[in-house]
Amino acid sequence: MSSAHFILYSRSYCHLCEDMLHALEKFHTEHDFSVEVIDVDDDAALVQRYDELVPVLVGQREGQPAVQLCHYFLDVVEVEKFLLKSN
């Protein structure tokens, strides 16, 4: 069983970013996963890639490529599908 890992591309003082993180954390009651929050403003390449899309949620599993799941708001259906695939 491989565990799920999420990367939340975010920025400081972004209420949508905070909202997405809080919504994602609600899944901890049923699923085991880790979350890494990365501030896009710390990396010019990330700003170029994600600037107007922030927050962006990416899911990863060991040995598999990362998958962009949603941006702006948490897509509950996509996150659930991703978490169920990782069990």
N, C-alpha and C. Protein backbone atom coordinates (compact mmCIF):
# COMPACT_ATOMS: atom_id res chain seq x y z
N MET A 1 0.86 -1.18 0.00
CA MET A 1 0.00 0.00 0.00
C MET A 1 0.90 1.24 0.00
N SER A 2 0.74 2.08 -1.00
CA SER A 2 1.54 3.31 -1.04
C SER A 2 0.72 4.46 -0.47
N SER A 3 1.38 5.30 0.30
CA SER A 3 0.66 6.41 0.92
C SER A 3 0.61 7.60 -0.03
N ALA A 4 -0.39 8.42 0.17
CA ALA A 4 -0.58 9.60 -0.67
C ALA A 4 0.18 10.78 -0.08
N HIS A 5 0.64 11.63 -0.98
CA HIS A 5 1.32 12.85 -0.59
C HIS A 5 0.74 13.97 -1.46
N PHE A 6 0.45 15.09 -0.83
CA PHE A 6 -0.06 16.25 -1.56
C PHE A 6 0.94 17.39 -1.47
N ILE A 7 1.02 18.15 -2.55
CA ILE A 7 1.76 19.40 -2.56
C ILE A 7 0.74 20.49 -2.85
N LEU A 8 0.69 21.46 -1.97
CA LEU A 8 -0.19 22.61 -2.16
C LEU A 8 0.68 23.80 -2.53
N TYR A 9 0.59 24.21 -3.79
CA TYR A 9 1.30 25.40 -4.24
C TYR A 9 0.46 26.59 -3.83
N SER A 10 1.05 27.45 -3.04
CA SER A 10 0.33 28.46 -2.30
C SER A 10 1.11 29.77 -2.31
N ARG A 11 0.56 30.75 -1.62
CA ARG A 11 1.32 31.98 -1.37
C ARG A 11 0.82 32.58 -0.07
N SER A 12 1.66 33.39 0.53
CA SER A 12 1.32 34.03 1.79
C SER A 12 0.11 34.94 1.63
N TYR A 13 -0.67 35.03 2.69
CA TYR A 13 -1.82 35.92 2.74
C TYR A 13 -2.86 35.63 1.65
N CYS A 14 -3.01 34.36 1.32
CA CYS A 14 -3.97 33.95 0.31
C CYS A 14 -5.09 33.18 1.00
N HIS A 15 -6.27 33.80 1.10
CA HIS A 15 -7.36 33.12 1.80
C HIS A 15 -7.83 31.87 1.07
N LEU A 16 -7.77 31.85 -0.26
CA LEU A 16 -8.13 30.63 -0.98
C LEU A 16 -7.17 29.49 -0.67
N CYS A 17 -5.90 29.82 -0.49
CA CYS A 17 -4.89 28.82 -0.16
C CYS A 17 -5.17 28.23 1.22
N GLU A 18 -5.46 29.09 2.17
CA GLU A 18 -5.78 28.63 3.52
C GLU A 18 -7.05 27.79 3.52
N ASP A 19 -8.05 28.21 2.76
CA ASP A 19 -9.30 27.46 2.67
C ASP A 19 -9.06 26.07 2.09
N MET A 20 -8.24 25.98 1.04
CA MET A 20 -7.97 24.68 0.44
C MET A 20 -7.24 23.77 1.41
N LEU A 21 -6.28 24.30 2.13
CA LEU A 21 -5.54 23.49 3.10
C LEU A 21 -6.48 22.98 4.19
N HIS A 22 -7.33 23.81 4.71
CA HIS A 22 -8.28 23.39 5.75
C HIS A 22 -9.25 22.34 5.22
N ALA A 23 -9.73 22.51 4.01
CA ALA A 23 -10.64 21.53 3.41
C ALA A 23 -9.94 20.19 3.21
N LEU A 24 -8.68 20.23 2.80
CA LEU A 24 -7.92 19.00 2.60
C LEU A 24 -7.68 18.28 3.92
N GLU A 25 -7.40 19.03 4.96
CA GLU A 25 -7.12 18.43 6.27
C GLU A 25 -8.31 17.65 6.82
N LYS A 26 -9.51 17.96 6.38
CA LYS A 26 -10.70 17.22 6.83
C LYS A 26 -10.66 15.77 6.38
N PHE A 27 -9.91 15.46 5.33
CA PHE A 27 -9.79 14.09 4.84
C PHE A 27 -8.94 13.22 5.76
N HIS A 28 -8.20 13.82 6.69
CA HIS A 28 -7.34 13.06 7.61
C HIS A 28 -8.14 12.13 8.51
N THR A 29 -9.41 12.39 8.72
CA THR A 29 -10.20 11.52 9.58
C THR A 29 -10.38 10.13 8.97
N GLU A 30 -10.33 10.04 7.64
CA GLU A 30 -10.55 8.77 6.95
C GLU A 30 -9.33 8.25 6.19
N HIS A 31 -8.34 9.12 5.94
CA HIS A 31 -7.21 8.74 5.09
C HIS A 31 -5.89 9.19 5.70
N ASP A 32 -4.85 8.42 5.40
CA ASP A 32 -3.51 8.77 5.84
C ASP A 32 -2.76 9.39 4.66
N PHE A 33 -2.27 10.60 4.83
CA PHE A 33 -1.51 11.26 3.78
C PHE A 33 -0.69 12.38 4.39
N SER A 34 0.26 12.86 3.62
CA SER A 34 1.07 14.00 4.05
C SER A 34 0.80 15.18 3.11
N VAL A 35 1.06 16.37 3.63
CA VAL A 35 0.86 17.60 2.85
C VAL A 35 2.09 18.47 2.98
N GLU A 36 2.57 18.93 1.86
CA GLU A 36 3.68 19.88 1.81
C GLU A 36 3.16 21.17 1.19
N VAL A 37 3.35 22.28 1.86
CA VAL A 37 2.91 23.57 1.34
C VAL A 37 4.13 24.31 0.81
N ILE A 38 4.07 24.71 -0.45
CA ILE A 38 5.18 25.42 -1.09
C ILE A 38 4.70 26.79 -1.53
N ASP A 39 5.41 27.81 -1.11
CA ASP A 39 5.09 29.19 -1.49
C ASP A 39 5.68 29.45 -2.88
N VAL A 40 4.82 29.66 -3.86
CA VAL A 40 5.29 29.85 -5.23
C VAL A 40 6.14 31.11 -5.37
N ASP A 41 5.91 32.09 -4.51
CA ASP A 41 6.64 33.34 -4.63
C ASP A 41 8.11 33.21 -4.25
N ASP A 42 8.51 32.07 -3.71
CA ASP A 42 9.91 31.82 -3.38
C ASP A 42 10.70 31.27 -4.57
N ASP A 43 10.04 31.01 -5.69
CA ASP A 43 10.70 30.38 -6.84
C ASP A 43 10.12 30.96 -8.13
N ALA A 44 10.95 31.63 -8.91
CA ALA A 44 10.48 32.27 -10.14
C ALA A 44 9.86 31.28 -11.12
N ALA A 45 10.38 30.07 -11.18
CA ALA A 45 9.81 29.06 -12.09
C ALA A 45 8.40 28.66 -11.65
N LEU A 46 8.17 28.58 -10.34
CA LEU A 46 6.84 28.24 -9.85
C LEU A 46 5.86 29.39 -10.08
N VAL A 47 6.33 30.62 -9.94
CA VAL A 47 5.47 31.77 -10.23
C VAL A 47 5.05 31.72 -11.70
N GLN A 48 6.00 31.46 -12.57
CA GLN A 48 5.70 31.38 -13.99
C GLN A 48 4.69 30.27 -14.29
N ARG A 49 4.80 29.15 -13.59
CA ARG A 49 3.94 27.99 -13.86
C ARG A 49 2.54 28.12 -13.24
N TYR A 50 2.47 28.63 -12.00
CA TYR A 50 1.23 28.58 -11.24
C TYR A 50 0.63 29.94 -10.86
N ASP A 51 1.26 31.03 -11.20
CA ASP A 51 0.92 32.36 -10.69
C ASP A 51 -0.57 32.62 -10.51
N GLU A 52 -1.32 32.65 -11.57
CA GLU A 52 -2.74 33.00 -11.49
C GLU A 52 -3.62 31.81 -11.11
N LEU A 53 -3.07 30.62 -10.99
CA LEU A 53 -3.85 29.43 -10.64
C LEU A 53 -3.87 29.14 -9.15
N VAL A 54 -3.01 29.77 -8.39
CA VAL A 54 -2.85 29.49 -6.96
C VAL A 54 -4.17 29.67 -6.23
N PRO A 55 -4.51 28.76 -5.33
CA PRO A 55 -3.77 27.57 -4.93
C PRO A 55 -3.94 26.42 -5.93
N VAL A 56 -2.90 25.63 -6.02
CA VAL A 56 -2.90 24.45 -6.88
C VAL A 56 -2.57 23.25 -6.01
N LEU A 57 -3.39 22.19 -6.11
CA LEU A 57 -3.15 20.97 -5.36
C LEU A 57 -2.69 19.87 -6.29
N VAL A 58 -1.55 19.28 -5.94
CA VAL A 58 -0.97 18.20 -6.72
C VAL A 58 -0.89 16.97 -5.82
N GLY A 59 -1.25 15.82 -6.36
CA GLY A 59 -1.16 14.57 -5.62
C GLY A 59 -0.03 13.72 -6.15
N GLN A 60 0.64 13.00 -5.24
CA GLN A 60 1.75 12.11 -5.62
C GLN A 60 1.65 10.80 -4.86
N ARG A 61 2.09 9.75 -5.53
CA ARG A 61 2.28 8.45 -4.89
C ARG A 61 3.67 7.98 -5.25
N GLU A 62 4.28 7.25 -4.35
CA GLU A 62 5.65 6.77 -4.57
C GLU A 62 5.75 6.01 -5.89
N GLY A 63 6.76 6.39 -6.68
CA GLY A 63 7.01 5.71 -7.94
C GLY A 63 6.08 6.10 -9.08
N GLN A 64 5.22 7.10 -8.86
CA GLN A 64 4.30 7.52 -9.90
C GLN A 64 4.42 9.03 -10.12
N PRO A 65 4.09 9.48 -11.32
CA PRO A 65 4.18 10.92 -11.57
C PRO A 65 3.14 11.72 -10.78
N ALA A 66 3.46 12.95 -10.52
CA ALA A 66 2.53 13.85 -9.82
C ALA A 66 1.35 14.19 -10.73
N VAL A 67 0.19 14.40 -10.11
CA VAL A 67 -1.04 14.70 -10.84
C VAL A 67 -1.66 15.97 -10.27
N GLN A 68 -1.91 16.95 -11.12
CA GLN A 68 -2.59 18.15 -10.66
C GLN A 68 -4.07 17.82 -10.49
N LEU A 69 -4.58 18.01 -9.27
CA LEU A 69 -5.95 17.63 -8.95
C LEU A 69 -6.93 18.79 -9.06
N CYS A 70 -6.52 19.99 -8.67
CA CYS A 70 -7.43 21.12 -8.71
C CYS A 70 -6.68 22.41 -8.46
N HIS A 71 -7.37 23.51 -8.72
CA HIS A 71 -6.84 24.83 -8.37
C HIS A 71 -8.01 25.73 -7.98
N TYR A 72 -7.70 26.80 -7.30
CA TYR A 72 -8.66 27.76 -6.71
C TYR A 72 -9.43 27.17 -5.53
N PHE A 73 -10.18 26.09 -5.77
CA PHE A 73 -10.99 25.47 -4.72
C PHE A 73 -10.75 23.97 -4.72
N LEU A 74 -10.87 23.35 -3.55
CA LEU A 74 -10.66 21.91 -3.44
C LEU A 74 -11.76 21.17 -4.20
N ASP A 75 -11.35 20.29 -5.10
CA ASP A 75 -12.27 19.43 -5.83
C ASP A 75 -12.40 18.14 -5.02
N VAL A 76 -13.45 18.06 -4.21
CA VAL A 76 -13.63 16.95 -3.28
C VAL A 76 -13.67 15.61 -4.02
N VAL A 77 -14.34 15.56 -5.13
CA VAL A 77 -14.47 14.31 -5.89
C VAL A 77 -13.09 13.84 -6.38
N GLU A 78 -12.30 14.74 -6.93
CA GLU A 78 -10.97 14.37 -7.43
C GLU A 78 -10.05 13.93 -6.29
N VAL A 79 -10.10 14.62 -5.18
CA VAL A 79 -9.25 14.26 -4.04
C VAL A 79 -9.67 12.89 -3.50
N GLU A 80 -10.97 12.64 -3.38
CA GLU A 80 -11.44 11.33 -2.92
C GLU A 80 -10.99 10.22 -3.87
N LYS A 81 -11.13 10.44 -5.18
CA LYS A 81 -10.69 9.43 -6.14
C LYS A 81 -9.19 9.16 -6.00
N PHE A 82 -8.42 10.22 -5.85
CA PHE A 82 -6.98 10.06 -5.69
C PHE A 82 -6.65 9.28 -4.43
N LEU A 83 -7.29 9.61 -3.32
CA LEU A 83 -7.02 8.92 -2.07
C LEU A 83 -7.45 7.46 -2.12
N LEU A 84 -8.54 7.15 -2.76
CA LEU A 84 -9.00 5.77 -2.86
C LEU A 84 -8.07 4.93 -3.73
N LYS A 85 -7.48 5.53 -4.75
CA LYS A 85 -6.51 4.83 -5.60
C LYS A 85 -5.23 4.51 -4.84
N SER A 86 -4.92 5.27 -3.82
CA SER A 86 -3.67 5.06 -3.11
C SER A 86 -3.80 4.02 -2.01
N ASN A 87 -5.00 3.49 -1.79
CA ASN A 87 -5.18 2.44 -0.77
C ASN A 87 -4.97 1.06 -1.36
